[in-house]
N, C-alpha and C. Protein backbone atom coordinates (compact mmCIF):
# COMPACT_ATOMS: atom_id res chain seq x y z
N MET A 1 0.85 -1.19 0.00
CA MET A 1 0.00 0.00 0.00
C MET A 1 0.89 1.24 0.00
N THR A 2 0.59 2.18 -0.86
CA THR A 2 1.34 3.43 -0.97
C THR A 2 0.38 4.61 -0.83
N SER A 3 0.76 5.58 0.00
CA SER A 3 -0.08 6.76 0.21
C SER A 3 0.45 7.95 -0.57
N LEU A 4 -0.45 8.62 -1.27
CA LEU A 4 -0.15 9.87 -1.93
C LEU A 4 -1.00 10.97 -1.30
N VAL A 5 -0.35 12.03 -0.87
CA VAL A 5 -1.03 13.20 -0.33
C VAL A 5 -1.02 14.27 -1.40
N LEU A 6 -2.18 14.68 -1.86
CA LEU A 6 -2.31 15.61 -2.98
C LEU A 6 -2.72 16.96 -2.43
N LEU A 7 -1.74 17.84 -2.32
CA LEU A 7 -1.88 19.11 -1.61
C LEU A 7 -2.07 20.26 -2.59
N ARG A 8 -3.11 21.04 -2.38
CA ARG A 8 -3.29 22.24 -3.21
C ARG A 8 -2.39 23.36 -2.68
N HIS A 9 -1.74 24.05 -3.59
CA HIS A 9 -0.79 25.10 -3.22
C HIS A 9 -1.43 26.18 -2.35
N ALA A 10 -0.58 26.95 -1.67
CA ALA A 10 -1.04 28.09 -0.88
C ALA A 10 -1.57 29.20 -1.79
N ARG A 11 -2.25 30.16 -1.20
CA ARG A 11 -2.92 31.20 -1.97
C ARG A 11 -1.93 32.21 -2.57
N THR A 12 -2.31 32.77 -3.71
CA THR A 12 -1.56 33.85 -4.33
C THR A 12 -2.41 35.12 -4.28
N ASP A 13 -1.81 36.24 -4.67
CA ASP A 13 -2.58 37.48 -4.76
C ASP A 13 -3.67 37.37 -5.82
N TYR A 14 -3.40 36.63 -6.89
CA TYR A 14 -4.43 36.40 -7.90
C TYR A 14 -5.62 35.64 -7.31
N ASN A 15 -5.34 34.65 -6.47
CA ASN A 15 -6.43 33.94 -5.81
C ASN A 15 -7.27 34.90 -4.98
N ASP A 16 -6.61 35.78 -4.25
CA ASP A 16 -7.33 36.72 -3.40
C ASP A 16 -8.16 37.71 -4.22
N GLU A 17 -7.71 37.99 -5.44
CA GLU A 17 -8.45 38.90 -6.32
C GLU A 17 -9.49 38.17 -7.16
N GLY A 18 -9.55 36.86 -7.05
CA GLY A 18 -10.51 36.09 -7.83
C GLY A 18 -10.14 35.97 -9.30
N ARG A 19 -8.84 36.03 -9.62
CA ARG A 19 -8.40 35.94 -11.01
C ARG A 19 -7.98 34.52 -11.35
N LEU A 20 -8.32 34.09 -12.55
CA LEU A 20 -7.94 32.76 -13.02
C LEU A 20 -6.46 32.75 -13.39
N GLN A 21 -5.75 31.75 -12.91
CA GLN A 21 -4.32 31.68 -13.16
C GLN A 21 -3.98 30.67 -14.25
N GLY A 22 -4.47 29.45 -14.13
CA GLY A 22 -4.16 28.44 -15.12
C GLY A 22 -2.66 28.28 -15.28
N SER A 23 -2.16 28.49 -16.49
CA SER A 23 -0.74 28.31 -16.77
C SER A 23 0.10 29.54 -16.43
N LEU A 24 -0.53 30.64 -16.00
CA LEU A 24 0.24 31.82 -15.59
C LEU A 24 1.08 31.47 -14.37
N ASP A 25 2.33 31.90 -14.37
CA ASP A 25 3.25 31.52 -13.30
C ASP A 25 3.28 32.60 -12.23
N VAL A 26 2.23 32.63 -11.42
CA VAL A 26 2.08 33.64 -10.37
C VAL A 26 2.69 33.10 -9.08
N PRO A 27 3.64 33.84 -8.47
CA PRO A 27 4.26 33.36 -7.24
C PRO A 27 3.37 33.58 -6.03
N LEU A 28 3.75 33.00 -4.91
CA LEU A 28 3.06 33.25 -3.66
C LEU A 28 3.34 34.68 -3.20
N GLY A 29 2.30 35.33 -2.66
CA GLY A 29 2.50 36.63 -2.01
C GLY A 29 2.87 36.42 -0.55
N GLU A 30 2.91 37.50 0.20
CA GLU A 30 3.29 37.40 1.62
C GLU A 30 2.36 36.48 2.39
N ASP A 31 1.06 36.63 2.18
CA ASP A 31 0.10 35.78 2.88
C ASP A 31 0.26 34.32 2.47
N GLY A 32 0.54 34.09 1.17
CA GLY A 32 0.72 32.73 0.69
C GLY A 32 1.96 32.08 1.26
N ILE A 33 3.03 32.84 1.41
CA ILE A 33 4.26 32.31 2.00
C ILE A 33 4.00 31.88 3.45
N ALA A 34 3.26 32.71 4.18
CA ALA A 34 2.93 32.35 5.55
C ALA A 34 2.03 31.12 5.60
N GLN A 35 1.07 31.05 4.68
CA GLN A 35 0.19 29.88 4.62
C GLN A 35 0.98 28.62 4.30
N ALA A 36 1.95 28.73 3.36
CA ALA A 36 2.76 27.56 2.99
C ALA A 36 3.53 27.03 4.20
N ALA A 37 4.07 27.93 5.01
CA ALA A 37 4.80 27.50 6.21
C ALA A 37 3.87 26.80 7.19
N ASP A 38 2.67 27.33 7.33
CA ASP A 38 1.70 26.71 8.24
C ASP A 38 1.27 25.34 7.73
N VAL A 39 1.02 25.24 6.44
CA VAL A 39 0.62 23.96 5.86
C VAL A 39 1.73 22.93 6.01
N ALA A 40 2.98 23.36 5.78
CA ALA A 40 4.11 22.45 5.92
C ALA A 40 4.17 21.87 7.32
N ALA A 41 3.97 22.70 8.32
CA ALA A 41 4.01 22.23 9.70
C ALA A 41 2.88 21.24 9.97
N ARG A 42 1.71 21.50 9.40
CA ARG A 42 0.57 20.59 9.63
C ARG A 42 0.78 19.25 8.93
N VAL A 43 1.34 19.28 7.72
CA VAL A 43 1.59 18.03 7.01
C VAL A 43 2.63 17.19 7.74
N VAL A 44 3.72 17.82 8.17
CA VAL A 44 4.74 17.09 8.93
C VAL A 44 4.18 16.58 10.24
N GLY A 45 3.34 17.37 10.89
CA GLY A 45 2.71 16.91 12.12
C GLY A 45 1.82 15.70 11.90
N GLU A 46 1.23 15.61 10.72
CA GLU A 46 0.33 14.50 10.40
C GLU A 46 1.07 13.27 9.90
N TYR A 47 2.11 13.47 9.07
CA TYR A 47 2.74 12.34 8.37
C TYR A 47 4.21 12.13 8.73
N GLY A 48 4.79 13.02 9.53
CA GLY A 48 6.20 12.89 9.87
C GLY A 48 7.09 13.47 8.78
N THR A 49 8.39 13.23 8.91
CA THR A 49 9.36 13.81 7.97
C THR A 49 9.85 12.82 6.92
N ALA A 50 9.41 11.57 6.99
CA ALA A 50 9.82 10.58 5.97
C ALA A 50 8.95 10.76 4.72
N LEU A 51 9.19 11.88 4.04
CA LEU A 51 8.34 12.27 2.92
C LEU A 51 9.14 12.37 1.62
N THR A 52 8.48 12.02 0.54
CA THR A 52 8.95 12.38 -0.79
C THR A 52 8.07 13.53 -1.25
N VAL A 53 8.68 14.63 -1.71
CA VAL A 53 7.92 15.82 -2.08
C VAL A 53 8.08 16.09 -3.58
N ALA A 54 6.97 16.14 -4.28
CA ALA A 54 6.96 16.45 -5.71
C ALA A 54 6.05 17.65 -5.94
N SER A 55 6.22 18.30 -7.08
CA SER A 55 5.47 19.53 -7.30
C SER A 55 5.27 19.81 -8.78
N SER A 56 4.18 20.51 -9.06
CA SER A 56 4.01 21.21 -10.32
C SER A 56 5.17 22.20 -10.48
N PRO A 57 5.54 22.54 -11.71
CA PRO A 57 6.63 23.50 -11.91
C PRO A 57 6.25 24.95 -11.67
N LEU A 58 4.98 25.27 -11.52
CA LEU A 58 4.58 26.65 -11.33
C LEU A 58 4.97 27.15 -9.94
N GLN A 59 5.35 28.43 -9.85
CA GLN A 59 5.95 28.96 -8.62
C GLN A 59 5.05 28.85 -7.40
N ARG A 60 3.74 28.99 -7.58
CA ARG A 60 2.85 28.91 -6.43
C ARG A 60 2.86 27.51 -5.83
N ALA A 61 3.15 26.51 -6.67
CA ALA A 61 3.26 25.13 -6.17
C ALA A 61 4.64 24.86 -5.61
N THR A 62 5.70 25.24 -6.34
CA THR A 62 7.06 24.97 -5.84
C THR A 62 7.33 25.75 -4.56
N GLY A 63 6.77 26.94 -4.44
CA GLY A 63 6.95 27.69 -3.20
C GLY A 63 6.34 26.97 -2.01
N THR A 64 5.18 26.37 -2.23
CA THR A 64 4.52 25.59 -1.18
C THR A 64 5.30 24.31 -0.91
N ALA A 65 5.72 23.64 -1.96
CA ALA A 65 6.45 22.38 -1.81
C ALA A 65 7.80 22.59 -1.14
N ASP A 66 8.50 23.66 -1.50
CA ASP A 66 9.82 23.90 -0.92
C ASP A 66 9.74 24.15 0.58
N ALA A 67 8.68 24.80 1.04
CA ALA A 67 8.51 25.01 2.48
C ALA A 67 8.37 23.68 3.20
N LEU A 68 7.63 22.76 2.60
CA LEU A 68 7.47 21.43 3.18
C LEU A 68 8.75 20.63 3.10
N ALA A 69 9.41 20.66 1.95
CA ALA A 69 10.64 19.90 1.76
C ALA A 69 11.72 20.34 2.75
N ALA A 70 11.82 21.65 2.98
CA ALA A 70 12.82 22.16 3.93
C ALA A 70 12.55 21.63 5.33
N LEU A 71 11.28 21.60 5.71
CA LEU A 71 10.93 21.12 7.05
C LEU A 71 11.17 19.61 7.17
N ALA A 72 11.00 18.91 6.07
CA ALA A 72 11.18 17.45 6.08
C ALA A 72 12.63 17.02 5.80
N GLY A 73 13.48 17.98 5.50
CA GLY A 73 14.88 17.65 5.24
C GLY A 73 15.10 16.95 3.92
N THR A 74 14.35 17.35 2.92
CA THR A 74 14.49 16.73 1.60
C THR A 74 14.45 17.82 0.54
N ALA A 75 14.38 17.45 -0.71
CA ALA A 75 14.32 18.40 -1.81
C ALA A 75 13.07 18.14 -2.64
N THR A 76 12.57 19.18 -3.27
CA THR A 76 11.38 19.06 -4.12
C THR A 76 11.76 18.51 -5.48
N ARG A 77 10.99 17.53 -5.94
CA ARG A 77 11.15 17.00 -7.30
C ARG A 77 10.03 17.56 -8.16
N VAL A 78 10.40 18.28 -9.20
CA VAL A 78 9.41 18.93 -10.07
C VAL A 78 8.99 17.97 -11.19
N ASP A 79 7.69 17.89 -11.39
CA ASP A 79 7.14 17.03 -12.45
C ASP A 79 6.07 17.83 -13.20
N ALA A 80 6.33 18.12 -14.46
CA ALA A 80 5.42 18.96 -15.25
C ALA A 80 4.04 18.36 -15.40
N ARG A 81 3.89 17.07 -15.17
CA ARG A 81 2.57 16.45 -15.30
C ARG A 81 1.60 16.93 -14.24
N PHE A 82 2.12 17.55 -13.17
CA PHE A 82 1.25 18.01 -12.09
C PHE A 82 0.89 19.49 -12.22
N THR A 83 1.22 20.10 -13.36
CA THR A 83 0.91 21.52 -13.54
C THR A 83 -0.60 21.72 -13.72
N GLN A 84 -1.01 22.97 -13.59
CA GLN A 84 -2.43 23.30 -13.70
C GLN A 84 -2.90 23.22 -15.15
N ARG A 85 -4.19 23.05 -15.33
CA ARG A 85 -4.76 23.08 -16.67
C ARG A 85 -4.65 24.50 -17.22
N PRO A 86 -4.42 24.66 -18.51
CA PRO A 86 -4.46 26.00 -19.10
C PRO A 86 -5.91 26.50 -19.15
N TYR A 87 -6.08 27.77 -18.79
CA TYR A 87 -7.39 28.40 -18.89
C TYR A 87 -7.51 29.28 -20.13
N GLY A 88 -6.52 29.19 -21.01
CA GLY A 88 -6.60 29.88 -22.29
C GLY A 88 -6.79 31.37 -22.15
N VAL A 89 -7.70 31.92 -22.97
CA VAL A 89 -7.91 33.37 -22.99
C VAL A 89 -8.55 33.90 -21.72
N TRP A 90 -9.00 33.02 -20.83
CA TRP A 90 -9.56 33.47 -19.56
C TRP A 90 -8.50 33.80 -18.52
N GLU A 91 -7.28 33.38 -18.74
CA GLU A 91 -6.24 33.59 -17.73
C GLU A 91 -6.03 35.08 -17.47
N GLY A 92 -5.97 35.42 -16.20
CA GLY A 92 -5.82 36.82 -15.79
C GLY A 92 -7.13 37.54 -15.56
N HIS A 93 -8.23 36.96 -15.99
CA HIS A 93 -9.55 37.56 -15.81
C HIS A 93 -10.20 37.05 -14.52
N THR A 94 -11.11 37.84 -13.99
CA THR A 94 -11.94 37.38 -12.87
C THR A 94 -13.12 36.59 -13.43
N TRP A 95 -13.77 35.81 -12.56
CA TRP A 95 -14.95 35.08 -13.00
C TRP A 95 -16.06 36.04 -13.44
N HIS A 96 -16.14 37.20 -12.79
CA HIS A 96 -17.14 38.18 -13.20
C HIS A 96 -16.88 38.64 -14.64
N GLU A 97 -15.61 38.90 -14.96
CA GLU A 97 -15.26 39.31 -16.32
C GLU A 97 -15.55 38.19 -17.31
N VAL A 98 -15.26 36.97 -16.92
CA VAL A 98 -15.54 35.83 -17.80
C VAL A 98 -17.03 35.72 -18.07
N ARG A 99 -17.83 35.84 -17.03
CA ARG A 99 -19.28 35.73 -17.19
C ARG A 99 -19.83 36.83 -18.10
N GLU A 100 -19.26 38.03 -17.99
CA GLU A 100 -19.72 39.15 -18.82
C GLU A 100 -19.29 39.01 -20.28
N SER A 101 -18.06 38.55 -20.50
CA SER A 101 -17.51 38.53 -21.87
C SER A 101 -17.74 37.23 -22.61
N TRP A 102 -17.89 36.14 -21.87
CA TRP A 102 -18.08 34.81 -22.49
C TRP A 102 -19.26 34.11 -21.81
N PRO A 103 -20.47 34.65 -21.91
CA PRO A 103 -21.59 34.09 -21.14
C PRO A 103 -21.92 32.64 -21.48
N LEU A 104 -21.91 32.27 -22.75
CA LEU A 104 -22.23 30.90 -23.12
C LEU A 104 -21.15 29.93 -22.66
N GLU A 105 -19.90 30.33 -22.84
CA GLU A 105 -18.79 29.47 -22.44
C GLU A 105 -18.71 29.36 -20.91
N TYR A 106 -19.08 30.42 -20.24
CA TYR A 106 -19.13 30.40 -18.77
C TYR A 106 -20.13 29.34 -18.30
N VAL A 107 -21.29 29.30 -18.93
CA VAL A 107 -22.30 28.30 -18.58
C VAL A 107 -21.77 26.89 -18.89
N GLN A 108 -21.13 26.72 -20.03
CA GLN A 108 -20.54 25.42 -20.36
C GLN A 108 -19.61 24.94 -19.25
N ARG A 109 -18.74 25.84 -18.82
CA ARG A 109 -17.77 25.48 -17.77
C ARG A 109 -18.48 25.04 -16.50
N HIS A 110 -19.48 25.77 -16.09
CA HIS A 110 -20.14 25.47 -14.82
C HIS A 110 -21.15 24.33 -14.94
N GLU A 111 -21.36 23.84 -16.15
CA GLU A 111 -22.13 22.61 -16.34
C GLU A 111 -21.21 21.40 -16.44
N GLY A 112 -19.91 21.63 -16.25
CA GLY A 112 -18.95 20.53 -16.27
C GLY A 112 -18.39 20.21 -17.64
N LEU A 113 -18.66 21.09 -18.62
CA LEU A 113 -18.16 20.87 -19.98
C LEU A 113 -16.88 21.67 -20.21
N ASP A 114 -16.15 21.30 -21.23
CA ASP A 114 -14.99 22.09 -21.64
C ASP A 114 -15.47 23.26 -22.49
N PRO A 115 -15.26 24.50 -22.04
CA PRO A 115 -15.74 25.64 -22.83
C PRO A 115 -14.97 25.77 -24.14
N ALA A 116 -15.66 26.22 -25.16
CA ALA A 116 -15.06 26.35 -26.49
C ALA A 116 -14.34 27.69 -26.59
N ILE A 117 -13.17 27.78 -25.92
CA ILE A 117 -12.37 29.00 -25.97
C ILE A 117 -10.94 28.62 -26.37
N PRO A 118 -10.21 29.53 -26.99
CA PRO A 118 -8.82 29.23 -27.37
C PRO A 118 -7.94 28.95 -26.16
N GLY A 119 -7.16 27.88 -26.25
CA GLY A 119 -6.16 27.60 -25.24
C GLY A 119 -6.62 26.82 -24.03
N TRP A 120 -7.89 26.45 -23.97
CA TRP A 120 -8.41 25.72 -22.81
C TRP A 120 -7.86 24.30 -22.78
N GLY A 121 -7.46 23.84 -21.60
CA GLY A 121 -6.98 22.47 -21.44
C GLY A 121 -8.13 21.50 -21.21
N ARG A 122 -8.34 20.60 -22.13
CA ARG A 122 -9.46 19.67 -22.05
C ARG A 122 -9.36 18.79 -20.81
N SER A 123 -10.50 18.53 -20.19
CA SER A 123 -10.53 17.74 -18.96
C SER A 123 -9.92 16.36 -19.15
N ASP A 124 -10.24 15.69 -20.26
CA ASP A 124 -9.69 14.36 -20.51
C ASP A 124 -8.16 14.39 -20.56
N ASP A 125 -7.63 15.41 -21.23
CA ASP A 125 -6.17 15.50 -21.37
C ASP A 125 -5.50 15.76 -20.02
N VAL A 126 -6.08 16.67 -19.24
CA VAL A 126 -5.51 16.99 -17.93
C VAL A 126 -5.61 15.78 -17.01
N ALA A 127 -6.75 15.11 -17.00
CA ALA A 127 -6.94 13.93 -16.14
C ALA A 127 -5.94 12.84 -16.49
N ASP A 128 -5.75 12.58 -17.78
CA ASP A 128 -4.80 11.55 -18.20
C ASP A 128 -3.37 11.90 -17.78
N ARG A 129 -3.00 13.16 -17.97
CA ARG A 129 -1.64 13.61 -17.63
C ARG A 129 -1.37 13.48 -16.14
N VAL A 130 -2.28 14.00 -15.33
CA VAL A 130 -2.07 13.98 -13.88
C VAL A 130 -2.11 12.54 -13.35
N ALA A 131 -3.08 11.76 -13.83
CA ALA A 131 -3.18 10.37 -13.36
C ALA A 131 -1.93 9.58 -13.70
N ALA A 132 -1.34 9.82 -14.86
CA ALA A 132 -0.10 9.13 -15.23
C ALA A 132 1.02 9.49 -14.25
N GLY A 133 1.10 10.75 -13.88
CA GLY A 133 2.10 11.15 -12.90
C GLY A 133 1.87 10.53 -11.54
N LEU A 134 0.61 10.43 -11.12
CA LEU A 134 0.29 9.82 -9.84
C LEU A 134 0.62 8.32 -9.84
N ARG A 135 0.30 7.65 -10.92
CA ARG A 135 0.63 6.23 -11.02
C ARG A 135 2.14 6.00 -10.93
N ASP A 136 2.90 6.83 -11.63
CA ASP A 136 4.35 6.68 -11.59
C ASP A 136 4.90 6.99 -10.21
N ALA A 137 4.38 8.01 -9.56
CA ALA A 137 4.84 8.36 -8.22
C ALA A 137 4.57 7.23 -7.23
N ALA A 138 3.41 6.62 -7.33
CA ALA A 138 3.08 5.51 -6.44
C ALA A 138 3.96 4.30 -6.72
N ALA A 139 4.17 4.00 -8.00
CA ALA A 139 5.00 2.85 -8.35
C ALA A 139 6.44 3.05 -7.90
N ASP A 140 6.98 4.27 -8.06
CA ASP A 140 8.34 4.55 -7.62
C ASP A 140 8.47 4.39 -6.11
N ALA A 141 7.48 4.92 -5.37
CA ALA A 141 7.53 4.81 -3.92
C ALA A 141 7.43 3.36 -3.47
N ALA A 142 6.60 2.58 -4.12
CA ALA A 142 6.46 1.17 -3.77
C ALA A 142 7.75 0.41 -4.06
N ARG A 143 8.38 0.75 -5.17
CA ARG A 143 9.61 0.05 -5.56
C ARG A 143 10.78 0.38 -4.64
N THR A 144 10.88 1.64 -4.21
CA THR A 144 12.02 2.07 -3.41
C THR A 144 11.77 2.00 -1.91
N GLY A 145 10.53 1.74 -1.52
CA GLY A 145 10.22 1.71 -0.09
C GLY A 145 10.18 3.09 0.53
N ALA A 146 9.96 4.12 -0.29
CA ALA A 146 9.89 5.49 0.22
C ALA A 146 8.66 5.65 1.11
N GLY A 147 8.68 6.71 1.91
CA GLY A 147 7.54 6.98 2.77
C GLY A 147 6.40 7.61 1.98
N THR A 148 5.58 8.33 2.69
CA THR A 148 4.45 9.01 2.07
C THR A 148 4.94 9.99 1.00
N VAL A 149 4.23 10.03 -0.12
CA VAL A 149 4.55 10.96 -1.20
C VAL A 149 3.58 12.13 -1.14
N VAL A 150 4.11 13.34 -1.03
CA VAL A 150 3.29 14.54 -1.06
C VAL A 150 3.49 15.23 -2.40
N ILE A 151 2.40 15.45 -3.11
CA ILE A 151 2.45 16.10 -4.42
C ILE A 151 1.70 17.42 -4.32
N VAL A 152 2.40 18.51 -4.57
CA VAL A 152 1.79 19.84 -4.51
C VAL A 152 1.35 20.22 -5.92
N SER A 153 0.07 20.45 -6.05
CA SER A 153 -0.47 20.72 -7.38
C SER A 153 -1.57 21.77 -7.27
N HIS A 154 -2.59 21.67 -8.10
CA HIS A 154 -3.60 22.71 -8.27
C HIS A 154 -4.99 22.09 -8.18
N GLY A 155 -5.97 22.93 -7.87
CA GLY A 155 -7.31 22.41 -7.63
C GLY A 155 -7.86 21.55 -8.75
N SER A 156 -7.92 22.08 -9.96
CA SER A 156 -8.47 21.31 -11.08
C SER A 156 -7.63 20.09 -11.38
N ALA A 157 -6.32 20.26 -11.36
CA ALA A 157 -5.43 19.13 -11.68
C ALA A 157 -5.62 17.99 -10.68
N ILE A 158 -5.68 18.32 -9.40
CA ILE A 158 -5.85 17.28 -8.38
C ILE A 158 -7.19 16.57 -8.55
N MET A 159 -8.25 17.35 -8.69
CA MET A 159 -9.58 16.75 -8.78
C MET A 159 -9.73 15.88 -10.02
N LEU A 160 -9.20 16.34 -11.15
CA LEU A 160 -9.31 15.55 -12.37
C LEU A 160 -8.46 14.29 -12.30
N GLY A 161 -7.25 14.40 -11.76
CA GLY A 161 -6.39 13.22 -11.64
C GLY A 161 -6.98 12.17 -10.73
N VAL A 162 -7.52 12.61 -9.59
CA VAL A 162 -8.13 11.66 -8.65
C VAL A 162 -9.38 11.03 -9.26
N ALA A 163 -10.19 11.84 -9.91
CA ALA A 163 -11.39 11.29 -10.56
C ALA A 163 -11.03 10.21 -11.57
N ARG A 164 -9.97 10.46 -12.34
CA ARG A 164 -9.54 9.46 -13.31
C ARG A 164 -9.12 8.16 -12.62
N LEU A 165 -8.34 8.26 -11.55
CA LEU A 165 -7.88 7.06 -10.85
C LEU A 165 -9.05 6.27 -10.25
N LEU A 166 -10.07 7.00 -9.77
CA LEU A 166 -11.21 6.34 -9.12
C LEU A 166 -12.31 5.96 -10.09
N GLY A 167 -12.14 6.31 -11.37
CA GLY A 167 -13.16 5.96 -12.37
C GLY A 167 -14.42 6.80 -12.27
N LEU A 168 -14.27 8.06 -11.81
CA LEU A 168 -15.43 8.95 -11.66
C LEU A 168 -15.54 9.87 -12.87
N PRO A 169 -16.75 10.39 -13.12
CA PRO A 169 -16.90 11.37 -14.21
C PRO A 169 -16.06 12.61 -13.96
N LEU A 170 -15.61 13.25 -15.02
CA LEU A 170 -14.72 14.41 -14.90
C LEU A 170 -15.52 15.71 -14.84
N THR A 171 -16.37 15.83 -13.85
CA THR A 171 -17.14 17.06 -13.67
C THR A 171 -16.56 17.83 -12.48
N PRO A 172 -16.55 19.18 -12.55
CA PRO A 172 -15.88 19.98 -11.53
C PRO A 172 -16.38 19.74 -10.11
N SER A 173 -17.68 19.48 -9.96
CA SER A 173 -18.24 19.35 -8.61
C SER A 173 -18.27 17.92 -8.10
N ARG A 174 -17.73 16.98 -8.86
CA ARG A 174 -17.85 15.57 -8.49
C ARG A 174 -17.23 15.31 -7.11
N LEU A 175 -16.07 15.89 -6.85
CA LEU A 175 -15.42 15.72 -5.56
C LEU A 175 -15.51 16.98 -4.70
N GLY A 176 -16.27 17.97 -5.16
CA GLY A 176 -16.41 19.19 -4.38
C GLY A 176 -15.20 20.11 -4.51
N TYR A 177 -15.13 21.09 -3.63
CA TYR A 177 -14.09 22.12 -3.68
C TYR A 177 -12.96 21.76 -2.73
N LEU A 178 -11.72 21.93 -3.20
CA LEU A 178 -10.54 21.70 -2.37
C LEU A 178 -9.88 23.04 -2.09
N PRO A 179 -9.94 23.52 -0.85
CA PRO A 179 -9.37 24.84 -0.54
C PRO A 179 -7.85 24.85 -0.67
N HIS A 180 -7.29 26.03 -0.82
CA HIS A 180 -5.85 26.18 -0.84
C HIS A 180 -5.27 25.73 0.50
N GLY A 181 -4.19 24.95 0.42
CA GLY A 181 -3.56 24.46 1.65
C GLY A 181 -4.21 23.22 2.22
N ALA A 182 -5.24 22.69 1.55
CA ALA A 182 -5.87 21.44 1.98
C ALA A 182 -5.42 20.31 1.07
N TRP A 183 -5.69 19.09 1.49
CA TRP A 183 -5.21 17.96 0.69
C TRP A 183 -6.20 16.80 0.68
N ASN A 184 -6.07 15.99 -0.36
CA ASN A 184 -6.71 14.68 -0.44
C ASN A 184 -5.63 13.62 -0.26
N GLU A 185 -5.99 12.50 0.30
CA GLU A 185 -5.05 11.38 0.40
C GLU A 185 -5.65 10.18 -0.33
N VAL A 186 -4.89 9.65 -1.27
CA VAL A 186 -5.30 8.44 -1.96
C VAL A 186 -4.29 7.34 -1.65
N ARG A 187 -4.76 6.11 -1.64
CA ARG A 187 -3.88 4.97 -1.40
C ARG A 187 -3.96 4.01 -2.56
N TRP A 188 -2.79 3.55 -2.96
CA TRP A 188 -2.67 2.60 -4.05
C TRP A 188 -2.36 1.22 -3.48
N HIS A 189 -3.21 0.25 -3.80
CA HIS A 189 -3.05 -1.12 -3.31
C HIS A 189 -2.59 -2.07 -4.40
N GLY A 190 -2.07 -1.49 -5.49
CA GLY A 190 -1.58 -2.29 -6.61
C GLY A 190 -2.59 -2.34 -7.74
N GLY A 191 -2.07 -2.49 -8.96
CA GLY A 191 -2.95 -2.57 -10.12
C GLY A 191 -3.79 -1.31 -10.28
N ASP A 192 -5.09 -1.49 -10.47
CA ASP A 192 -6.00 -0.37 -10.59
C ASP A 192 -6.77 -0.11 -9.30
N ASP A 193 -6.26 -0.63 -8.19
CA ASP A 193 -6.95 -0.51 -6.90
C ASP A 193 -6.51 0.78 -6.19
N TRP A 194 -7.23 1.86 -6.47
CA TRP A 194 -7.01 3.15 -5.83
C TRP A 194 -8.18 3.46 -4.90
N ARG A 195 -7.85 3.99 -3.73
CA ARG A 195 -8.91 4.30 -2.76
C ARG A 195 -8.68 5.69 -2.18
N LEU A 196 -9.76 6.46 -2.10
CA LEU A 196 -9.70 7.78 -1.49
C LEU A 196 -9.82 7.62 0.02
N ARG A 197 -8.74 7.90 0.73
CA ARG A 197 -8.73 7.71 2.18
C ARG A 197 -9.21 8.97 2.92
N ARG A 198 -8.75 10.12 2.46
CA ARG A 198 -9.14 11.37 3.12
C ARG A 198 -9.46 12.40 2.05
N TYR A 199 -10.43 13.24 2.37
CA TYR A 199 -10.83 14.28 1.43
C TYR A 199 -10.85 15.62 2.14
N CYS A 200 -10.23 16.61 1.55
CA CYS A 200 -10.26 17.98 2.06
C CYS A 200 -9.67 18.05 3.47
N ALA A 201 -8.64 17.28 3.74
CA ALA A 201 -7.98 17.31 5.05
C ALA A 201 -7.21 18.61 5.19
N GLY A 202 -7.08 19.07 6.41
CA GLY A 202 -6.31 20.27 6.69
C GLY A 202 -7.04 21.56 6.41
N ALA A 203 -8.31 21.47 5.96
CA ALA A 203 -9.05 22.69 5.61
C ALA A 203 -9.51 23.41 6.88
């Protein structure tokens, strides 16, 4: 049995402003840095320091992961498969702006569909990419006898990857909302046997 802790990065100033980030490489602000330190302490308090830490390459994720890795006495391993989905032409806009400028596509998104906008990352593609990274991380940990694997990623990426592993539909609300600094824990028992052990922990 191998445990993967899927941690959503700490908040950025864009998050506080309600702006969509997607592939934009927005770093943590002062509040986010403080949140990352707090989250790191809570994760170590829960799982100890025998951790493998992996991260999306985006700064808001690596900043969160590095705080945890430093506390655990290890280094962050970056894996591009854990990056956020691209939000295309919506990146940098608030949801209010999206609703005003792309009303039909906004409805598509909130009905769980992929909106027909340039640059949007399709749910199937994101789910396949993230799930492949999770499978490899679990297999590596099982092979090497590593401890718990913590993967710092993004809300949509985590939810889509977990849904794919569990065989659930790829709709945004299927697993609910994962706050920044909270995590899901999945356990791999070999083969296609994945189980969701904890949901929205640390919130």
